[in-house]
Amino acid sequence: MNRDLIVTYALNFAYTLLRAVMYAAGCFLAWRAFDWMDKVDIRKEITEHRNWGYAAMISALFIGLAYVIGQI
């Protein structure tokens, strides 16, 4: 019984780690895709110009990716 519990915890940890890596890769790729498609430097717009529209768009993208990956 005790060994089965440890195996279950190890599998759950590995599954959670895999989902975290998928989320990080998805965020990176989505950020790069938006940066490539948009003619404006998004980082500069958010940090220097305080453009909250871009910040909201990127945060909504990351939250949406987290929801999709969380449903897997």
N, C-alpha and C. Protein backbone atom coordinates (compact mmCIF):
# COMPACT_ATOMS: atom_id res chain seq x y z
N MET A 1 0.82 -1.20 0.00
CA MET A 1 0.00 0.00 0.00
C MET A 1 0.87 1.26 0.00
N ASN A 2 1.89 1.27 0.81
CA ASN A 2 2.75 2.44 0.92
C ASN A 2 3.52 2.69 -0.38
N ARG A 3 3.98 1.64 -1.02
CA ARG A 3 4.72 1.79 -2.28
C ARG A 3 3.80 2.31 -3.39
N ASP A 4 2.56 1.86 -3.43
CA ASP A 4 1.61 2.34 -4.43
C ASP A 4 1.34 3.83 -4.26
N LEU A 5 1.30 4.28 -3.03
CA LEU A 5 1.07 5.69 -2.76
C LEU A 5 2.25 6.53 -3.25
N ILE A 6 3.46 6.06 -3.03
CA ILE A 6 4.64 6.78 -3.49
C ILE A 6 4.69 6.83 -5.01
N VAL A 7 4.34 5.74 -5.66
CA VAL A 7 4.32 5.71 -7.12
C VAL A 7 3.26 6.68 -7.65
N THR A 8 2.12 6.73 -7.01
CA THR A 8 1.06 7.64 -7.42
C THR A 8 1.50 9.09 -7.28
N TYR A 9 2.14 9.42 -6.16
CA TYR A 9 2.64 10.78 -5.96
C TYR A 9 3.71 11.13 -7.00
N ALA A 10 4.59 10.21 -7.30
CA ALA A 10 5.64 10.46 -8.29
C ALA A 10 5.03 10.70 -9.67
N LEU A 11 4.04 9.91 -10.04
CA LEU A 11 3.39 10.10 -11.34
C LEU A 11 2.65 11.43 -11.41
N ASN A 12 1.97 11.79 -10.34
CA ASN A 12 1.26 13.08 -10.31
C ASN A 12 2.23 14.25 -10.39
N PHE A 13 3.37 14.12 -9.71
CA PHE A 13 4.38 15.17 -9.77
C PHE A 13 4.94 15.30 -11.18
N ALA A 14 5.23 14.18 -11.81
CA ALA A 14 5.76 14.21 -13.18
C ALA A 14 4.73 14.81 -14.14
N TYR A 15 3.48 14.46 -13.98
CA TYR A 15 2.42 15.00 -14.83
C TYR A 15 2.29 16.51 -14.64
N THR A 16 2.36 16.97 -13.40
CA THR A 16 2.27 18.40 -13.12
C THR A 16 3.47 19.14 -13.68
N LEU A 17 4.64 18.54 -13.56
CA LEU A 17 5.84 19.15 -14.12
C LEU A 17 5.76 19.25 -15.64
N LEU A 18 5.25 18.22 -16.27
CA LEU A 18 5.07 18.24 -17.73
C LEU A 18 4.12 19.35 -18.15
N ARG A 19 3.03 19.52 -17.42
CA ARG A 19 2.08 20.58 -17.74
C ARG A 19 2.70 21.95 -17.55
N ALA A 20 3.54 22.11 -16.54
CA ALA A 20 4.21 23.39 -16.31
C ALA A 20 5.17 23.70 -17.45
N VAL A 21 5.88 22.70 -17.93
CA VAL A 21 6.79 22.90 -19.06
C VAL A 21 6.01 23.23 -20.32
N MET A 22 4.89 22.56 -20.52
CA MET A 22 4.03 22.87 -21.67
C MET A 22 3.53 24.31 -21.60
N TYR A 23 3.15 24.75 -20.42
CA TYR A 23 2.66 26.12 -20.26
C TYR A 23 3.76 27.13 -20.55
N ALA A 24 4.95 26.88 -20.02
CA ALA A 24 6.07 27.80 -20.25
C ALA A 24 6.41 27.87 -21.74
N ALA A 25 6.44 26.73 -22.41
CA ALA A 25 6.73 26.71 -23.85
C ALA A 25 5.62 27.41 -24.63
N GLY A 26 4.39 27.19 -24.25
CA GLY A 26 3.27 27.84 -24.92
C GLY A 26 3.29 29.35 -24.76
N CYS A 27 3.62 29.81 -23.55
CA CYS A 27 3.73 31.25 -23.32
C CYS A 27 4.86 31.86 -24.13
N PHE A 28 5.98 31.18 -24.17
CA PHE A 28 7.12 31.68 -24.94
C PHE A 28 6.77 31.77 -26.42
N LEU A 29 6.17 30.71 -26.96
CA LEU A 29 5.82 30.71 -28.38
C LEU A 29 4.75 31.75 -28.70
N ALA A 30 3.77 31.89 -27.82
CA ALA A 30 2.72 32.89 -28.05
C ALA A 30 3.30 34.30 -27.99
N TRP A 31 4.18 34.54 -27.03
CA TRP A 31 4.82 35.86 -26.93
C TRP A 31 5.62 36.16 -28.20
N ARG A 32 6.37 35.18 -28.67
CA ARG A 32 7.17 35.38 -29.88
C ARG A 32 6.27 35.59 -31.10
N ALA A 33 5.16 34.87 -31.16
CA ALA A 33 4.25 35.03 -32.29
C ALA A 33 3.64 36.43 -32.30
N PHE A 34 3.20 36.92 -31.15
CA PHE A 34 2.67 38.28 -31.10
C PHE A 34 3.74 39.31 -31.41
N ASP A 35 4.93 39.09 -30.91
CA ASP A 35 6.02 40.01 -31.17
C ASP A 35 6.39 40.03 -32.65
N TRP A 36 6.32 38.88 -33.29
CA TRP A 36 6.66 38.78 -34.72
C TRP A 36 5.56 39.40 -35.59
N MET A 37 4.29 39.18 -35.23
CA MET A 37 3.19 39.68 -36.06
C MET A 37 2.96 41.17 -35.90
N ASP A 38 3.21 41.70 -34.71
CA ASP A 38 2.93 43.10 -34.45
C ASP A 38 4.15 43.94 -34.80
N LYS A 39 3.93 45.07 -35.42
CA LYS A 39 5.04 45.93 -35.84
C LYS A 39 5.60 46.76 -34.69
N VAL A 40 4.88 46.80 -33.58
CA VAL A 40 5.28 47.61 -32.43
C VAL A 40 6.03 46.71 -31.44
N ASP A 41 7.07 47.26 -30.79
CA ASP A 41 7.79 46.53 -29.76
C ASP A 41 6.91 46.46 -28.51
N ILE A 42 6.38 45.27 -28.22
CA ILE A 42 5.42 45.12 -27.14
C ILE A 42 6.06 45.41 -25.78
N ARG A 43 7.27 44.94 -25.57
CA ARG A 43 7.95 45.18 -24.29
C ARG A 43 8.12 46.67 -24.04
N LYS A 44 8.52 47.41 -25.07
CA LYS A 44 8.71 48.84 -24.92
C LYS A 44 7.38 49.54 -24.66
N GLU A 45 6.34 49.11 -25.36
CA GLU A 45 5.03 49.72 -25.16
C GLU A 45 4.52 49.51 -23.73
N ILE A 46 4.75 48.31 -23.18
CA ILE A 46 4.25 48.02 -21.84
C ILE A 46 5.09 48.73 -20.78
N THR A 47 6.41 48.68 -20.92
CA THR A 47 7.27 49.21 -19.86
C THR A 47 7.47 50.72 -19.94
N GLU A 48 7.77 51.24 -21.10
CA GLU A 48 8.09 52.67 -21.20
C GLU A 48 6.86 53.54 -21.42
N HIS A 49 5.95 53.07 -22.26
CA HIS A 49 4.78 53.90 -22.60
C HIS A 49 3.56 53.58 -21.73
N ARG A 50 3.69 52.60 -20.88
CA ARG A 50 2.59 52.21 -19.96
C ARG A 50 1.28 51.94 -20.71
N ASN A 51 1.39 51.22 -21.80
CA ASN A 51 0.23 50.88 -22.61
C ASN A 51 -0.48 49.68 -21.97
N TRP A 52 -1.54 49.94 -21.26
CA TRP A 52 -2.26 48.89 -20.52
C TRP A 52 -3.04 47.98 -21.45
N GLY A 53 -3.31 48.43 -22.65
CA GLY A 53 -4.01 47.57 -23.61
C GLY A 53 -3.16 46.38 -24.02
N TYR A 54 -1.89 46.63 -24.28
CA TYR A 54 -0.99 45.51 -24.60
C TYR A 54 -0.79 44.61 -23.40
N ALA A 55 -0.68 45.19 -22.23
CA ALA A 55 -0.50 44.39 -21.02
C ALA A 55 -1.70 43.49 -20.78
N ALA A 56 -2.90 44.02 -21.00
CA ALA A 56 -4.10 43.22 -20.83
C ALA A 56 -4.18 42.12 -21.88
N MET A 57 -3.77 42.42 -23.10
CA MET A 57 -3.80 41.42 -24.16
C MET A 57 -2.85 40.27 -23.85
N ILE A 58 -1.63 40.55 -23.41
CA ILE A 58 -0.67 39.52 -23.09
C ILE A 58 -1.11 38.72 -21.86
N SER A 59 -1.63 39.40 -20.86
CA SER A 59 -2.07 38.67 -19.66
C SER A 59 -3.27 37.78 -19.98
N ALA A 60 -4.17 38.23 -20.84
CA ALA A 60 -5.30 37.39 -21.24
C ALA A 60 -4.83 36.18 -22.03
N LEU A 61 -3.81 36.38 -22.84
CA LEU A 61 -3.24 35.26 -23.59
C LEU A 61 -2.65 34.22 -22.64
N PHE A 62 -1.89 34.66 -21.64
CA PHE A 62 -1.28 33.74 -20.69
C PHE A 62 -2.33 33.03 -19.84
N ILE A 63 -3.35 33.75 -19.41
CA ILE A 63 -4.42 33.13 -18.62
C ILE A 63 -5.18 32.13 -19.46
N GLY A 64 -5.43 32.44 -20.72
CA GLY A 64 -6.11 31.50 -21.61
C GLY A 64 -5.29 30.24 -21.84
N LEU A 65 -3.99 30.40 -22.02
CA LEU A 65 -3.12 29.21 -22.16
C LEU A 65 -3.12 28.36 -20.89
N ALA A 66 -3.11 29.02 -19.74
CA ALA A 66 -3.14 28.27 -18.48
C ALA A 66 -4.43 27.49 -18.35
N TYR A 67 -5.55 28.09 -18.78
CA TYR A 67 -6.83 27.39 -18.71
C TYR A 67 -6.84 26.18 -19.65
N VAL A 68 -6.36 26.37 -20.87
CA VAL A 68 -6.37 25.28 -21.84
C VAL A 68 -5.47 24.13 -21.38
N ILE A 69 -4.28 24.46 -20.92
CA ILE A 69 -3.37 23.42 -20.46
C ILE A 69 -3.89 22.78 -19.18
N GLY A 70 -4.57 23.56 -18.34
CA GLY A 70 -5.15 22.99 -17.12
C GLY A 70 -6.27 22.02 -17.40
N GLN A 71 -6.91 22.13 -18.54
CA GLN A 71 -8.01 21.21 -18.89
C GLN A 71 -7.52 19.91 -19.49
N ILE A 72 -6.22 19.81 -19.78
CA ILE A 72 -5.68 18.58 -20.37
C ILE A 72 -5.67 17.48 -19.35
